[in-house]
Amino acid sequence: MAIAMVAACVTCPMHALLTSPVALWHRPLAVVGYALALGVFATVIPVLLAALALERLGAARAAIAGSVAPVVTALLAWFLAGECLGVMGWLGWAAL
């Protein structure tokens, strides 16, 4: 997992520099800050927490705990954002 994260951290900026070098540097500071916050809070912290859970719980228990995530996500989307599940969503929920 660490090798993939390092590879992504190296290759993504290289791709951005090669495909749009001028546009990359003309971003408002707030956009850069949001991108860094998104990277830390939506990627780095969850990956570290998942690795810690895997280490402490073992593979089987961590997999069971991870399978609850879609159900919790659907409940939070309904509760916080007022979203409703479609037929496929309910079928997927029932499959778990």
C-alpha atoms as a PDB file:
ATOM      1  CA  MET A   1       0.000   0.000   0.000  1.00  0.00           C
ATOM      2  CA  ALA A   2       2.819   2.398   0.815  1.00  0.00           C
ATOM      3  CA  ILE A   3       4.453   1.846  -2.566  1.00  0.00           C
ATOM      4  CA  ALA A   4       1.205   2.714  -4.352  1.00  0.00           C
ATOM      5  CA  MET A   5       0.774   5.889  -2.293  1.00  0.00           C
ATOM      6  CA  VAL A   6       4.341   7.020  -3.023  1.00  0.00           C
ATOM      7  CA  ALA A   7       3.934   6.208  -6.720  1.00  0.00           C
ATOM      8  CA  ALA A   8       0.744   8.280  -6.856  1.00  0.00           C
ATOM      9  CA  CYS A   9       2.406  11.186  -5.039  1.00  0.00           C
ATOM     10  CA  VAL A  10       5.203  11.201  -7.604  1.00  0.00           C
ATOM     11  CA  THR A  11       3.339  10.505 -10.831  1.00  0.00           C
ATOM     12  CA  CYS A  12       0.258  12.706 -10.343  1.00  0.00           C
ATOM     13  CA  PRO A  13       2.200  15.989 -10.071  1.00  0.00           C
ATOM     14  CA  MET A  14       4.427  14.898 -12.982  1.00  0.00           C
ATOM     15  CA  HIS A  15       1.341  14.306 -15.112  1.00  0.00           C
ATOM     16  CA  ALA A  16      -0.086  17.695 -14.145  1.00  0.00           C
ATOM     17  CA  LEU A  17       3.157  19.460 -15.013  1.00  0.00           C
ATOM     18  CA  LEU A  18       3.466  17.697 -18.362  1.00  0.00           C
ATOM     19  CA  THR A  19      -0.126  18.212 -19.479  1.00  0.00           C
ATOM     20  CA  SER A  20      -0.792  21.762 -18.252  1.00  0.00           C
ATOM     21  CA  PRO A  21       2.310  23.438 -16.838  1.00  0.00           C
ATOM     22  CA  VAL A  22       1.035  27.015 -17.117  1.00  0.00           C
ATOM     23  CA  ALA A  23      -2.483  26.454 -15.811  1.00  0.00           C
ATOM     24  CA  LEU A  24      -1.214  24.474 -12.846  1.00  0.00           C
ATOM     25  CA  TRP A  25       0.474  27.453 -11.225  1.00  0.00           C
ATOM     26  CA  HIS A  26      -2.370  29.951 -11.699  1.00  0.00           C
ATOM     27  CA  ARG A  27      -4.730  28.721  -9.007  1.00  0.00           C
ATOM     28  CA  PRO A  28      -6.038  30.772  -6.090  1.00  0.00           C
ATOM     29  CA  LEU A  29      -4.411  29.930  -2.780  1.00  0.00           C
ATOM     30  CA  ALA A  30      -7.757  28.805  -1.377  1.00  0.00           C
ATOM     31  CA  VAL A  31      -8.022  26.144  -4.103  1.00  0.00           C
ATOM     32  CA  VAL A  32      -4.566  24.825  -3.255  1.00  0.00           C
ATOM     33  CA  GLY A  33      -5.484  24.739   0.428  1.00  0.00           C
ATOM     34  CA  TYR A  34      -8.725  22.863  -0.279  1.00  0.00           C
ATOM     35  CA  ALA A  35      -6.843  20.357  -2.437  1.00  0.00           C
ATOM     36  CA  LEU A  36      -4.281  19.743   0.300  1.00  0.00           C
ATOM     37  CA  ALA A  37      -7.002  19.388   2.937  1.00  0.00           C
ATOM     38  CA  LEU A  38      -8.894  16.967   0.713  1.00  0.00           C
ATOM     39  CA  GLY A  39      -5.739  14.933   0.186  1.00  0.00           C
ATOM     40  CA  VAL A  40      -4.996  14.744   3.900  1.00  0.00           C
ATOM     41  CA  PHE A  41      -8.497  14.233   5.286  1.00  0.00           C
ATOM     42  CA  ALA A  42      -9.962  12.075   2.513  1.00  0.00           C
ATOM     43  CA  THR A  43      -6.906   9.995   1.634  1.00  0.00           C
ATOM     44  CA  VAL A  44      -3.996  10.009   4.054  1.00  0.00           C
ATOM     45  CA  ILE A  45      -5.917   9.763   7.341  1.00  0.00           C
ATOM     46  CA  PRO A  46      -8.387   7.074   6.138  1.00  0.00           C
ATOM     47  CA  VAL A  47      -5.566   4.952   4.695  1.00  0.00           C
ATOM     48  CA  LEU A  48      -3.599   5.190   7.939  1.00  0.00           C
ATOM     49  CA  LEU A  49      -6.674   4.322   9.998  1.00  0.00           C
ATOM     50  CA  ALA A  50      -7.424   1.346   7.735  1.00  0.00           C
ATOM     51  CA  ALA A  51      -3.844   0.113   8.118  1.00  0.00           C
ATOM     52  CA  LEU A  52      -4.067   0.447  11.902  1.00  0.00           C
ATOM     53  CA  ALA A  53      -7.391  -1.407  11.935  1.00  0.00           C
ATOM     54  CA  LEU A  54      -5.926  -4.176   9.809  1.00  0.00           C
ATOM     55  CA  GLU A  55      -2.960  -4.477  12.141  1.00  0.00           C
ATOM     56  CA  ARG A  56      -5.039  -4.519  15.321  1.00  0.00           C
ATOM     57  CA  LEU A  57      -8.069  -6.513  14.196  1.00  0.00           C
ATOM     58  CA  GLY A  58      -6.593  -8.915  11.700  1.00  0.00           C
ATOM     59  CA  ALA A  59      -7.672  -9.402   8.099  1.00  0.00           C
ATOM     60  CA  ALA A  60     -10.995 -11.181   8.719  1.00  0.00           C
ATOM     61  CA  ARG A  61     -12.345  -8.735  11.294  1.00  0.00           C
ATOM     62  CA  ALA A  62     -11.127  -5.710   9.349  1.00  0.00           C
ATOM     63  CA  ALA A  63     -12.904  -7.006   6.224  1.00  0.00           C
ATOM     64  CA  ILE A  64     -16.139  -7.457   8.165  1.00  0.00           C
ATOM     65  CA  ALA A  65     -15.856  -3.960   9.616  1.00  0.00           C
ATOM     66  CA  GLY A  66     -15.137  -2.567   6.135  1.00  0.00           C
ATOM     67  CA  SER A  67     -18.221  -4.205   4.678  1.00  0.00           C
ATOM     68  CA  VAL A  68     -20.388  -2.083   6.968  1.00  0.00           C
ATOM     69  CA  ALA A  69     -19.129   1.140   5.345  1.00  0.00           C
ATOM     70  CA  PRO A  70     -21.595   1.200   2.405  1.00  0.00           C
ATOM     71  CA  VAL A  71     -24.547   0.734   4.752  1.00  0.00           C
ATOM     72  CA  VAL A  72     -23.371   3.522   7.046  1.00  0.00           C
ATOM     73  CA  THR A  73     -22.727   5.755   4.034  1.00  0.00           C
ATOM     74  CA  ALA A  74     -26.258   5.181   2.736  1.00  0.00           C
ATOM     75  CA  LEU A  75     -27.732   5.946   6.150  1.00  0.00           C
ATOM     76  CA  LEU A  76     -25.702   9.136   6.502  1.00  0.00           C
ATOM     77  CA  ALA A  77     -26.657  10.237   2.964  1.00  0.00           C
ATOM     78  CA  TRP A  78     -30.320   9.764   3.864  1.00  0.00           C
ATOM     79  CA  PHE A  79     -30.020  11.430   7.268  1.00  0.00           C
ATOM     80  CA  LEU A  80     -27.706  14.338   6.424  1.00  0.00           C
ATOM     81  CA  ALA A  81     -28.423  15.030   2.747  1.00  0.00           C
ATOM     82  CA  GLY A  82     -31.962  13.743   2.331  1.00  0.00           C
ATOM     83  CA  GLU A  83     -30.952  11.297  -0.410  1.00  0.00           C
ATOM     84  CA  CYS A  84     -33.048   8.220  -1.122  1.00  0.00           C
ATOM     85  CA  LEU A  85     -31.883   4.791  -2.223  1.00  0.00           C
ATOM     86  CA  GLY A  86     -33.048   3.433  -5.556  1.00  0.00           C
ATOM     87  CA  VAL A  87     -33.940  -0.171  -6.248  1.00  0.00           C
ATOM     88  CA  MET A  88     -30.309  -1.160  -6.893  1.00  0.00           C
ATOM     89  CA  GLY A  89     -29.226   0.557  -3.691  1.00  0.00           C
ATOM     90  CA  TRP A  90     -31.746  -1.389  -1.632  1.00  0.00           C
ATOM     91  CA  LEU A  91     -30.738  -4.627  -3.348  1.00  0.00           C
ATOM     92  CA  GLY A  92     -27.101  -3.926  -2.598  1.00  0.00           C
ATOM     93  CA  TRP A  93     -27.942  -3.136   0.999  1.00  0.00           C
ATOM     94  CA  ALA A  94     -29.906  -6.376   1.308  1.00  0.00           C
ATOM     95  CA  ALA A  95     -26.970  -8.333  -0.121  1.00  0.00           C
ATOM     96  CA  LEU A  96     -24.808  -7.249   2.791  1.00  0.00           C
END
